Amino acid sequence: MLMEMLRYTSATIQQEILDLMAFNVQKAIRNEIGDAKFCLIVDESRDESKKEQMALVVRFVDKDGFVRERFLDLIHVNDTYSRNS
């Protein structure tokens, strides 16, 4: 186990690296958007293993006037049923 961690091959270390990379990418996207108006696009679908996944995409107009879209996250959804309040 120690040798795996030293080589960055353990699942825990790999997940930590991925989480840090995702955080940095999302931070860069937030900086790119800045104070611009944006909309959030949310789409849900079921994958091959019948698990519900929700994709989050942000669309905004950049400083040069071009419409941009950036993928933010893919989230596992436990429950897709609506509830009455």
Protein backbone atom coordinates (compact mmCIF):
# COMPACT_ATOMS: atom_id res chain seq x y z
CA MET A 1 0.00 0.00 0.00
CA LEU A 2 2.78 2.45 0.88
CA MET A 3 4.51 1.80 -2.45
CA GLU A 4 1.23 2.48 -4.29
CA MET A 5 0.89 5.80 -2.50
CA LEU A 6 4.48 6.72 -3.29
CA ARG A 7 3.78 6.05 -6.97
CA TYR A 8 0.42 7.87 -6.83
CA THR A 9 -1.41 4.74 -7.95
CA SER A 10 -3.71 4.17 -4.98
CA ALA A 11 -7.38 4.97 -5.58
CA THR A 12 -7.39 7.48 -2.72
CA ILE A 13 -4.43 9.44 -4.06
CA GLN A 14 -5.78 9.38 -7.61
CA GLN A 15 -9.16 10.69 -6.42
CA GLU A 16 -7.46 13.48 -4.45
CA ILE A 17 -5.48 14.49 -7.55
CA LEU A 18 -8.66 14.48 -9.67
CA ASP A 19 -10.52 16.54 -7.06
CA LEU A 20 -7.72 19.14 -7.00
CA MET A 21 -7.66 19.31 -10.79
CA ALA A 22 -11.45 19.72 -10.93
CA PHE A 23 -11.30 22.50 -8.33
CA ASN A 24 -8.65 24.35 -10.35
CA VAL A 25 -10.59 23.99 -13.61
CA GLN A 26 -13.81 25.22 -11.98
CA LYS A 27 -11.93 28.16 -10.47
CA ALA A 28 -10.54 29.05 -13.91
CA ILE A 29 -14.05 28.90 -15.37
CA ARG A 30 -15.38 31.19 -12.61
CA ASN A 31 -12.55 33.64 -13.37
CA GLU A 32 -13.32 33.45 -17.10
CA ILE A 33 -17.00 34.26 -16.46
CA GLY A 34 -16.16 37.10 -14.09
CA ASP A 35 -19.12 39.47 -13.77
CA ALA A 36 -20.75 38.37 -17.04
CA LYS A 37 -24.33 37.21 -17.13
CA PHE A 38 -24.63 33.46 -17.43
CA CYS A 39 -27.14 30.64 -17.48
CA LEU A 40 -26.85 27.19 -16.03
CA ILE A 41 -27.80 24.24 -18.23
CA VAL A 42 -28.80 21.08 -16.36
CA ASP A 43 -29.42 17.78 -18.13
CA GLU A 44 -30.14 14.41 -16.60
CA SER A 45 -29.76 10.99 -18.16
CA ARG A 46 -29.30 7.37 -17.22
CA ASP A 47 -25.98 5.68 -17.97
CA GLU A 48 -25.35 2.08 -19.06
CA SER A 49 -25.46 0.81 -15.47
CA LYS A 50 -28.90 2.43 -14.97
CA LYS A 51 -27.50 5.17 -12.71
CA GLU A 52 -28.93 8.65 -13.07
CA GLN A 53 -26.37 11.33 -13.88
CA MET A 54 -26.86 15.10 -13.97
CA ALA A 55 -24.58 17.25 -16.13
CA LEU A 56 -24.02 20.92 -15.27
CA VAL A 57 -22.92 23.31 -18.03
CA VAL A 58 -22.60 27.08 -17.82
CA ARG A 59 -23.21 29.32 -20.85
CA PHE A 60 -22.00 32.92 -20.88
CA VAL A 61 -20.86 35.73 -23.15
CA ASP A 62 -17.12 36.34 -22.90
CA LYS A 63 -15.39 39.74 -22.91
CA ASP A 64 -15.09 39.58 -26.73
CA GLY A 65 -18.83 39.02 -27.18
CA PHE A 66 -18.67 35.32 -28.01
CA VAL A 67 -21.08 32.83 -26.45
CA ARG A 68 -19.14 30.18 -24.55
CA GLU A 69 -20.15 26.96 -22.83
CA ARG A 70 -18.11 25.23 -20.15
CA PHE A 71 -18.77 21.85 -18.58
CA LEU A 72 -18.81 22.18 -14.78
CA ASP A 73 -19.66 18.83 -13.27
CA LEU A 74 -21.28 15.43 -13.61
CA ILE A 75 -23.25 14.51 -10.51
CA HIS A 76 -24.72 11.16 -9.50
CA VAL A 77 -28.43 11.56 -8.73
CA ASN A 78 -29.91 9.24 -6.11
CA ASP A 79 -33.56 10.12 -6.61
CA THR A 80 -35.37 11.60 -9.61
CA TYR A 81 -38.87 11.64 -8.14
CA SER A 82 -40.62 14.94 -7.58
CA ARG A 83 -42.11 15.65 -4.18
CA ASN A 84 -45.10 17.74 -3.25
CA SER A 85 -44.36 20.28 -0.54
